PDB file of N, CA and C in Angstrom:
ATOM      1  N   MET A   1      72.436  -2.668  17.770  1.00  0.00           N
ATOM      2  CA  MET A   1      72.361  -3.222  19.111  1.00  0.00           C
ATOM      3  C   MET A   1      73.551  -4.148  19.314  1.00  0.00           C
ATOM      4  N   GLU A   2      74.157  -4.036  20.444  1.00  0.00           N
ATOM      5  CA  GLU A   2      75.275  -4.900  20.774  1.00  0.00           C
ATOM      6  C   GLU A   2      74.760  -6.308  21.052  1.00  0.00           C
ATOM      7  N   ILE A   3      75.574  -7.295  20.703  1.00  0.00           N
ATOM      8  CA  ILE A   3      75.149  -8.686  20.895  1.00  0.00           C
ATOM      9  C   ILE A   3      75.008  -9.022  22.374  1.00  0.00           C
ATOM     10  N   GLU A   4      75.863  -8.444  23.223  1.00  0.00           N
ATOM     11  CA  GLU A   4      75.756  -8.703  24.665  1.00  0.00           C
ATOM     12  C   GLU A   4      74.453  -8.130  25.215  1.00  0.00           C
ATOM     13  N   ARG A   5      74.069  -6.969  24.746  1.00  0.00           N
ATOM     14  CA  ARG A   5      72.812  -6.349  25.188  1.00  0.00           C
ATOM     15  C   ARG A   5      71.617  -7.191  24.744  1.00  0.00           C
ATOM     16  N   ALA A   6      71.701  -7.740  23.536  1.00  0.00           N
ATOM     17  CA  ALA A   6      70.619  -8.591  23.042  1.00  0.00           C
ATOM     18  C   ALA A   6      70.510  -9.855  23.885  1.00  0.00           C
ATOM     19  N   ARG A   7      71.645 -10.414  24.286  1.00  0.00           N
ATOM     20  CA  ARG A   7      71.626 -11.601  25.121  1.00  0.00           C
ATOM     21  C   ARG A   7      71.013 -11.320  26.480  1.00  0.00           C
ATOM     22  N   GLU A   8      71.333 -10.166  27.053  1.00  0.00           N
ATOM     23  CA  GLU A   8      70.753  -9.779  28.343  1.00  0.00           C
ATOM     24  C   GLU A   8      69.241  -9.611  28.224  1.00  0.00           C
ATOM     25  N   ASP A   9      68.798  -8.957  27.150  1.00  0.00           N
ATOM     26  CA  ASP A   9      67.356  -8.797  26.929  1.00  0.00           C
ATOM     27  C   ASP A   9      66.669 -10.146  26.772  1.00  0.00           C
ATOM     28  N   LEU A  10      67.337 -11.072  26.102  1.00  0.00           N
ATOM     29  CA  LEU A  10      66.770 -12.399  25.889  1.00  0.00           C
ATOM     30  C   LEU A  10      66.603 -13.160  27.197  1.00  0.00           C
ATOM     31  N   VAL A  11      67.556 -13.011  28.100  1.00  0.00           N
ATOM     32  CA  VAL A  11      67.471 -13.691  29.398  1.00  0.00           C
ATOM     33  C   VAL A  11      66.244 -13.214  30.165  1.00  0.00           C
ATOM     34  N   VAL A  12      66.041 -11.912  30.225  1.00  0.00           N
ATOM     35  CA  VAL A  12      64.900 -11.365  30.957  1.00  0.00           C
ATOM     36  C   VAL A  12      63.595 -11.726  30.253  1.00  0.00           C
ATOM     37  N   ALA A  13      63.576 -11.608  28.928  1.00  0.00           N
ATOM     38  CA  ALA A  13      62.361 -11.936  28.167  1.00  0.00           C
ATOM     39  C   ALA A  13      62.001 -13.411  28.313  1.00  0.00           C
ATOM     40  N   ALA A  14      62.990 -14.284  28.277  1.00  0.00           N
ATOM     41  CA  ALA A  14      62.715 -15.717  28.407  1.00  0.00           C
ATOM     42  C   ALA A  14      62.174 -16.058  29.791  1.00  0.00           C
ATOM     43  N   SER A  15      62.712 -15.423  30.804  1.00  0.00           N
ATOM     44  CA  SER A  15      62.218 -15.663  32.160  1.00  0.00           C
ATOM     45  C   SER A  15      60.773 -15.198  32.300  1.00  0.00           C
ATOM     46  N   ALA A  16      60.481 -14.005  31.804  1.00  0.00           N
ATOM     47  CA  ALA A  16      59.113 -13.477  31.884  1.00  0.00           C
ATOM     48  C   ALA A  16      58.150 -14.333  31.068  1.00  0.00           C
ATOM     49  N   ALA A  17      58.567 -14.745  29.884  1.00  0.00           N
ATOM     50  CA  ALA A  17      57.704 -15.564  29.033  1.00  0.00           C
ATOM     51  C   ALA A  17      57.456 -16.941  29.639  1.00  0.00           C
ATOM     52  N   ALA A  18      58.501 -17.569  30.145  1.00  0.00           N
ATOM     53  CA  ALA A  18      58.341 -18.897  30.742  1.00  0.00           C
ATOM     54  C   ALA A  18      57.431 -18.845  31.963  1.00  0.00           C
ATOM     55  N   THR A  19      57.570 -17.803  32.759  1.00  0.00           N
ATOM     56  CA  THR A  19      56.711 -17.669  33.935  1.00  0.00           C
ATOM     57  C   THR A  19      55.263 -17.431  33.525  1.00  0.00           C
ATOM     58  N   THR A  20      55.066 -16.616  32.509  1.00  0.00           N
ATOM     59  CA  THR A  20      53.707 -16.357  32.017  1.00  0.00           C
ATOM     60  C   THR A  20      53.066 -17.632  31.488  1.00  0.00           C
ATOM     61  N   VAL A  21      53.815 -18.410  30.736  1.00  0.00           N
ATOM     62  CA  VAL A  21      53.290 -19.671  30.202  1.00  0.00           C
ATOM     63  C   VAL A  21      53.001 -20.651  31.345  1.00  0.00           C
ATOM     64  N   ALA A  22      53.866 -20.696  32.341  1.00  0.00           N
ATOM     65  CA  ALA A  22      53.641 -21.594  33.480  1.00  0.00           C
ATOM     66  C   ALA A  22      52.358 -21.241  34.219  1.00  0.00           C
ATOM     67  N   ILE A  23      52.117 -19.949  34.415  1.00  0.00           N
ATOM     68  CA  ILE A  23      50.879 -19.526  35.079  1.00  0.00           C
ATOM     69  C   ILE A  23      49.675 -19.911  34.228  1.00  0.00           C
ATOM     70  N   ALA A  24      49.771 -19.695  32.923  1.00  0.00           N
ATOM     71  CA  ALA A  24      48.655 -20.028  32.034  1.00  0.00           C
ATOM     72  C   ALA A  24      48.377 -21.527  32.032  1.00  0.00           C
ATOM     73  N   VAL A  25      49.418 -22.341  32.047  1.00  0.00           N
ATOM     74  CA  VAL A  25      49.234 -23.794  32.062  1.00  0.00           C
ATOM     75  C   VAL A  25      48.623 -24.235  33.388  1.00  0.00           C
ATOM     76  N   LEU A  26      49.137 -23.688  34.492  1.00  0.00           N
ATOM     77  CA  LEU A  26      48.569 -24.036  35.801  1.00  0.00           C
ATOM     78  C   LEU A  26      47.103 -23.619  35.905  1.00  0.00           C
ATOM     79  N   SER A  27      46.762 -22.519  35.277  1.00  0.00           N
ATOM     80  CA  SER A  27      45.407 -22.005  35.367  1.00  0.00           C
ATOM     81  C   SER A  27      44.459 -22.692  34.386  1.00  0.00           C
ATOM     82  N   GLY A  28      44.885 -22.783  33.140  1.00  0.00           N
ATOM     83  CA  GLY A  28      43.977 -23.284  32.111  1.00  0.00           C
ATOM     84  C   GLY A  28      43.987 -24.780  31.928  1.00  0.00           C
ATOM     85  N   VAL A  29      45.132 -25.349  31.719  1.00  0.00           N
ATOM     86  CA  VAL A  29      45.234 -26.770  31.379  1.00  0.00           C
ATOM     87  C   VAL A  29      45.145 -27.645  32.620  1.00  0.00           C
ATOM     88  N   ALA A  30      45.974 -27.341  33.603  1.00  0.00           N
ATOM     89  CA  ALA A  30      46.017 -28.182  34.804  1.00  0.00           C
ATOM     90  C   ALA A  30      44.860 -27.896  35.746  1.00  0.00           C
ATOM     91  N   GLY A  31      44.338 -26.685  35.715  1.00  0.00           N
ATOM     92  CA  GLY A  31      43.228 -26.329  36.586  1.00  0.00           C
ATOM     93  C   GLY A  31      43.609 -26.248  38.053  1.00  0.00           C
ATOM     94  N   VAL A  32      44.881 -26.050  38.342  1.00  0.00           N
ATOM     95  CA  VAL A  32      45.350 -25.979  39.717  1.00  0.00           C
ATOM     96  C   VAL A  32      44.870 -24.705  40.391  1.00  0.00           C
ATOM     97  N   VAL A  33      44.969 -23.584  39.675  1.00  0.00           N
ATOM     98  CA  VAL A  33      44.547 -22.288  40.201  1.00  0.00           C
ATOM     99  C   VAL A  33      43.673 -21.598  39.164  1.00  0.00           C
ATOM    100  N   ALA A  34      42.897 -20.643  39.626  1.00  0.00           N
ATOM    101  CA  ALA A  34      42.085 -19.837  38.718  1.00  0.00           C
ATOM    102  C   ALA A  34      42.661 -18.426  38.689  1.00  0.00           C
ATOM    103  N   VAL A  35      43.360 -18.121  37.613  1.00  0.00           N
ATOM    104  CA  VAL A  35      44.017 -16.821  37.466  1.00  0.00           C
ATOM    105  C   VAL A  35      43.441 -16.135  36.239  1.00  0.00           C
ATOM    106  N   GLY A  36      43.115 -14.854  36.391  1.00  0.00           N
ATOM    107  CA  GLY A  36      42.587 -14.076  35.283  1.00  0.00           C
ATOM    108  C   GLY A  36      43.665 -13.727  34.268  1.00  0.00           C
ATOM    109  N   THR A  37      43.253 -13.067  33.204  1.00  0.00           N
ATOM    110  CA  THR A  37      44.179 -12.733  32.128  1.00  0.00           C
ATOM    111  C   THR A  37      45.227 -11.714  32.564  1.00  0.00           C
ATOM    112  N   LEU A  38      44.809 -10.630  33.186  1.00  0.00           N
ATOM    113  CA  LEU A  38      45.773  -9.605  33.586  1.00  0.00           C
ATOM    114  C   LEU A  38      46.785 -10.101  34.612  1.00  0.00           C
ATOM    115  N   PRO A  39      46.373 -10.811  35.656  1.00  0.00           N
ATOM    116  CA  PRO A  39      47.395 -11.340  36.565  1.00  0.00           C
ATOM    117  C   PRO A  39      48.349 -12.326  35.879  1.00  0.00           C
ATOM    118  N   THR A  40      47.858 -13.041  34.895  1.00  0.00           N
ATOM    119  CA  THR A  40      48.721 -13.969  34.168  1.00  0.00           C
ATOM    120  C   THR A  40      49.833 -13.233  33.430  1.00  0.00           C
ATOM    121  N   LEU A  41      49.545 -12.032  32.968  1.00  0.00           N
ATOM    122  CA  LEU A  41      50.509 -11.261  32.180  1.00  0.00           C
ATOM    123  C   LEU A  41      51.453 -10.402  33.010  1.00  0.00           C
ATOM    124  N   THR A  42      51.350 -10.419  34.328  1.00  0.00           N
ATOM    125  CA  THR A  42      52.188  -9.545  35.156  1.00  0.00           C
ATOM    126  C   THR A  42      53.691  -9.805  35.022  1.00  0.00           C
ATOM    127  N   PRO A  43      54.174 -11.030  34.799  1.00  0.00           N
ATOM    128  CA  PRO A  43      55.620 -11.171  34.570  1.00  0.00           C
ATOM    129  C   PRO A  43      56.098 -10.407  33.333  1.00  0.00           C
ATOM    130  N   LEU A  44      55.244 -10.280  32.339  1.00  0.00           N
ATOM    131  CA  LEU A  44      55.614  -9.509  31.154  1.00  0.00           C
ATOM    132  C   LEU A  44      55.704  -8.016  31.473  1.00  0.00           C
ATOM    133  N   ALA A  45      54.968  -7.567  32.480  1.00  0.00           N
ATOM    134  CA  ALA A  45      55.069  -6.172  32.912  1.00  0.00           C
ATOM    135  C   ALA A  45      56.448  -5.905  33.512  1.00  0.00           C
ATOM    136  N   VAL A  46      57.005  -6.882  34.202  1.00  0.00           N
ATOM    137  CA  VAL A  46      58.368  -6.738  34.736  1.00  0.00           C
ATOM    138  C   VAL A  46      59.348  -6.572  33.583  1.00  0.00           C
ATOM    139  N   TYR A  47      59.169  -7.333  32.527  1.00  0.00           N
ATOM    140  CA  TYR A  47      60.036  -7.198  31.351  1.00  0.00           C
ATOM    141  C   TYR A  47      59.875  -5.818  30.710  1.00  0.00           C
ATOM    142  N   ALA A  48      58.655  -5.318  30.648  1.00  0.00           N
ATOM    143  CA  ALA A  48      58.438  -3.983  30.083  1.00  0.00           C
ATOM    144  C   ALA A  48      59.134  -2.913  30.923  1.00  0.00           C
ATOM    145  N   VAL A  49      59.052  -3.026  32.232  1.00  0.00           N
ATOM    146  CA  VAL A  49      59.752  -2.072  33.107  1.00  0.00           C
ATOM    147  C   VAL A  49      61.258  -2.183  32.893  1.00  0.00           C
ATOM    148  N   TYR A  50      61.755  -3.380  32.731  1.00  0.00           N
ATOM    149  CA  TYR A  50      63.180  -3.581  32.444  1.00  0.00           C
ATOM    150  C   TYR A  50      63.575  -2.854  31.161  1.00  0.00           C
ATOM    151  N   LEU A  51      62.790  -3.026  30.111  1.00  0.00           N
ATOM    152  CA  LEU A  51      63.119  -2.383  28.840  1.00  0.00           C
ATOM    153  C   LEU A  51      63.106  -0.864  28.948  1.00  0.00           C
ATOM    154  N   PHE A  52      62.104  -0.317  29.612  1.00  0.00           N
ATOM    155  CA  PHE A  52      62.006   1.131  29.713  1.00  0.00           C
ATOM    156  C   PHE A  52      63.041   1.719  30.672  1.00  0.00           C
ATOM    157  N   SER A  53      63.559   0.916  31.573  1.00  0.00           N
ATOM    158  CA  SER A  53      64.573   1.413  32.505  1.00  0.00           C
ATOM    159  C   SER A  53      65.972   1.369  31.896  1.00  0.00           C
ATOM    160  N   ARG A  54      66.130   0.754  30.746  1.00  0.00           N
ATOM    161  CA  ARG A  54      67.441   0.595  30.120  1.00  0.00           C
ATOM    162  C   ARG A  54      67.735   1.678  29.099  1.00  0.00           C
ATOM    163  N   LYS A  55      67.213   2.864  29.279  1.00  0.00           N
ATOM    164  CA  LYS A  55      67.402   3.946  28.323  1.00  0.00           C
ATOM    165  C   LYS A  55      68.805   4.529  28.364  1.00  0.00           C
ATOM    166  N   GLY A  56      69.589   4.182  29.335  1.00  0.00           N
ATOM    167  CA  GLY A  56      70.941   4.719  29.453  1.00  0.00           C
ATOM    168  C   GLY A  56      71.116   5.380  30.793  1.00  0.00           C
ATOM    169  N   GLY A  57      72.345   5.569  31.147  1.00  0.00           N
ATOM    170  CA  GLY A  57      72.596   6.198  32.423  1.00  0.00           C
ATOM    171  C   GLY A  57      73.336   5.270  33.347  1.00  0.00           C
ATOM    172  N   PRO A  58      73.710   5.763  34.473  1.00  0.00           N
ATOM    173  CA  PRO A  58      74.424   4.906  35.419  1.00  0.00           C
ATOM    174  C   PRO A  58      73.480   3.898  36.062  1.00  0.00           C
ATOM    175  N   TYR A  59      73.859   2.650  35.990  1.00  0.00           N
ATOM    176  CA  TYR A  59      73.053   1.590  36.575  1.00  0.00           C
ATOM    177  C   TYR A  59      73.697   1.146  37.878  1.00  0.00           C
ATOM    178  N   GLY A  60      72.872   0.839  38.846  1.00  0.00           N
ATOM    179  CA  GLY A  60      73.372   0.385  40.134  1.00  0.00           C
ATOM    180  C   GLY A  60      73.872  -1.045  40.072  1.00  0.00           C
ATOM    181  N   SER A  61      74.444  -1.485  41.159  1.00  0.00           N
ATOM    182  CA  SER A  61      74.992  -2.841  41.196  1.00  0.00           C
ATOM    183  C   SER A  61      73.889  -3.900  41.181  1.00  0.00           C
ATOM    184  N   LEU A  62      72.681  -3.534  41.586  1.00  0.00           N
ATOM    185  CA  LEU A  62      71.571  -4.490  41.575  1.00  0.00           C
ATOM    186  C   LEU A  62      70.827  -4.512  40.249  1.00  0.00           C
ATOM    187  N   ASP A  63      71.111  -3.567  39.376  1.00  0.00           N
ATOM    188  CA  ASP A  63      70.420  -3.476  38.088  1.00  0.00           C
ATOM    189  C   ASP A  63      71.124  -4.369  37.070  1.00  0.00           C
ATOM    190  N   GLU A  64      70.917  -5.657  37.233  1.00  0.00           N
ATOM    191  CA  GLU A  64      71.521  -6.657  36.354  1.00  0.00           C
ATOM    192  C   GLU A  64      70.404  -7.480  35.716  1.00  0.00           C
ATOM    193  N   PRO A  65      70.598  -7.961  34.504  1.00  0.00           N
ATOM    194  CA  PRO A  65      69.565  -8.783  33.858  1.00  0.00           C
ATOM    195  C   PRO A  65      69.165 -10.003  34.683  1.00  0.00           C
ATOM    196  N   ARG A  66      70.128 -10.610  35.361  1.00  0.00           N
ATOM    197  CA  ARG A  66      69.816 -11.771  36.200  1.00  0.00           C
ATOM    198  C   ARG A  66      68.799 -11.404  37.277  1.00  0.00           C
ATOM    199  N   ASN A  67      68.974 -10.243  37.895  1.00  0.00           N
ATOM    200  CA  ASN A  67      68.050  -9.813  38.940  1.00  0.00           C
ATOM    201  C   ASN A  67      66.666  -9.508  38.376  1.00  0.00           C
ATOM    202  N   TRP A  68      66.619  -8.936  37.176  1.00  0.00           N
ATOM    203  CA  TRP A  68      65.322  -8.680  36.539  1.00  0.00           C
ATOM    204  C   TRP A  68      64.623  -9.996  36.184  1.00  0.00           C
ATOM    205  N   ALA A  69      65.392 -10.987  35.744  1.00  0.00           N
ATOM    206  CA  ALA A  69      64.813 -12.296  35.423  1.00  0.00           C
ATOM    207  C   ALA A  69      64.257 -12.957  36.679  1.00  0.00           C
ATOM    208  N   ILE A  70      64.989 -12.846  37.778  1.00  0.00           N
ATOM    209  CA  ILE A  70      64.506 -13.392  39.050  1.00  0.00           C
ATOM    210  C   ILE A  70      63.259 -12.650  39.508  1.00  0.00           C
ATOM    211  N   ALA A  71      63.230 -11.333  39.308  1.00  0.00           N
ATOM    212  CA  ALA A  71      62.053 -10.546  39.687  1.00  0.00           C
ATOM    213  C   ALA A  71      60.823 -10.984  38.897  1.00  0.00           C
ATOM    214  N   ALA A  72      60.990 -11.253  37.607  1.00  0.00           N
ATOM    215  CA  ALA A  72      59.860 -11.714  36.795  1.00  0.00           C
ATOM    216  C   ALA A  72      59.346 -13.061  37.303  1.00  0.00           C
ATOM    217  N   ALA A  73      60.261 -13.955  37.662  1.00  0.00           N
ATOM    218  CA  ALA A  73      59.850 -15.260  38.188  1.00  0.00           C
ATOM    219  C   ALA A  73      59.164 -15.117  39.541  1.00  0.00           C
ATOM    220  N   LEU A  74      59.683 -14.243  40.387  1.00  0.00           N
ATOM    221  CA  LEU A  74      59.064 -14.033  41.703  1.00  0.00           C
ATOM    222  C   LEU A  74      57.666 -13.434  41.588  1.00  0.00           C
ATOM    223  N   VAL A  75      57.479 -12.531  40.648  1.00  0.00           N
ATOM    224  CA  VAL A  75      56.146 -11.973  40.434  1.00  0.00           C
ATOM    225  C   VAL A  75      55.180 -13.073  40.011  1.00  0.00           C
ATOM    226  N   GLY A  76      55.638 -13.973  39.166  1.00  0.00           N
ATOM    227  CA  GLY A  76      54.796 -15.105  38.766  1.00  0.00           C
ATOM    228  C   GLY A  76      54.445 -16.008  39.930  1.00  0.00           C
ATOM    229  N   VAL A  77      55.409 -16.267  40.787  1.00  0.00           N
ATOM    230  CA  VAL A  77      55.148 -17.084  41.973  1.00  0.00           C
ATOM    231  C   VAL A  77      54.148 -16.375  42.891  1.00  0.00           C
ATOM    232  N   LEU A  78      54.305 -15.070  43.049  1.00  0.00           N
ATOM    233  CA  LEU A  78      53.356 -14.315  43.881  1.00  0.00           C
ATOM    234  C   LEU A  78      51.937 -14.355  43.323  1.00  0.00           C
ATOM    235  N   VAL A  79      51.812 -14.317  42.004  1.00  0.00           N
ATOM    236  CA  VAL A  79      50.481 -14.405  41.382  1.00  0.00           C
ATOM    237  C   VAL A  79      49.845 -15.752  41.692  1.00  0.00           C
ATOM    238  N   VAL A  80      50.613 -16.825  41.569  1.00  0.00           N
ATOM    239  CA  VAL A  80      50.076 -18.168  41.841  1.00  0.00           C
ATOM    240  C   VAL A  80      49.728 -18.315  43.306  1.00  0.00           C
ATOM    241  N   VAL A  81      50.595 -17.839  44.201  1.00  0.00           N
ATOM    242  CA  VAL A  81      50.313 -17.931  45.634  1.00  0.00           C
ATOM    243  C   VAL A  81      49.070 -17.120  45.990  1.00  0.00           C
ATOM    244  N   ALA A  82      48.950 -15.920  45.417  1.00  0.00           N
ATOM    245  CA  ALA A  82      47.756 -15.107  45.689  1.00  0.00           C
ATOM    246  C   ALA A  82      46.502 -15.776  45.165  1.00  0.00           C
ATOM    247  N   ALA A  83      46.582 -16.412  44.010  1.00  0.00           N
ATOM    248  CA  ALA A  83      45.413 -17.107  43.453  1.00  0.00           C
ATOM    249  C   ALA A  83      45.041 -18.319  44.320  1.00  0.00           C
ATOM    250  N   LEU A  84      46.032 -18.990  44.855  1.00  0.00           N
ATOM    251  CA  LEU A  84      45.749 -20.130  45.733  1.00  0.00           C
ATOM    252  C   LEU A  84      45.126 -19.680  47.054  1.00  0.00           C
ATOM    253  N   ALA A  85      45.521 -18.504  47.522  1.00  0.00           N
ATOM    254  CA  ALA A  85      45.022 -18.002  48.796  1.00  0.00           C
ATOM    255  C   ALA A  85      43.573 -17.505  48.698  1.00  0.00           C
ATOM    256  N   LEU A  86      43.165 -17.132  47.504  1.00  0.00           N
ATOM    257  CA  LEU A  86      41.803 -16.603  47.339  1.00  0.00           C
ATOM    258  C   LEU A  86      40.799 -17.672  47.078  1.00  0.00           C
TER     259      LEU A  86
END
């Protein structure tokens, strides 16, 4: 594995992990929202889609690790907003 590729994977994984932990802390420790286990893990699903989409081939201009990291964070925000709305 190339070191640059590993760094890109780390950026997306760290974003997904941090968002997942933030949702879990808001739900469990802080008690701000009540979020179930599966919705809590949805940012990690974004990371899984990122990994499976990186099999090779021509990537578009929007297919960048930064954009995948932002997508994982946005999914986490959507989970919290949806939990607050319910």
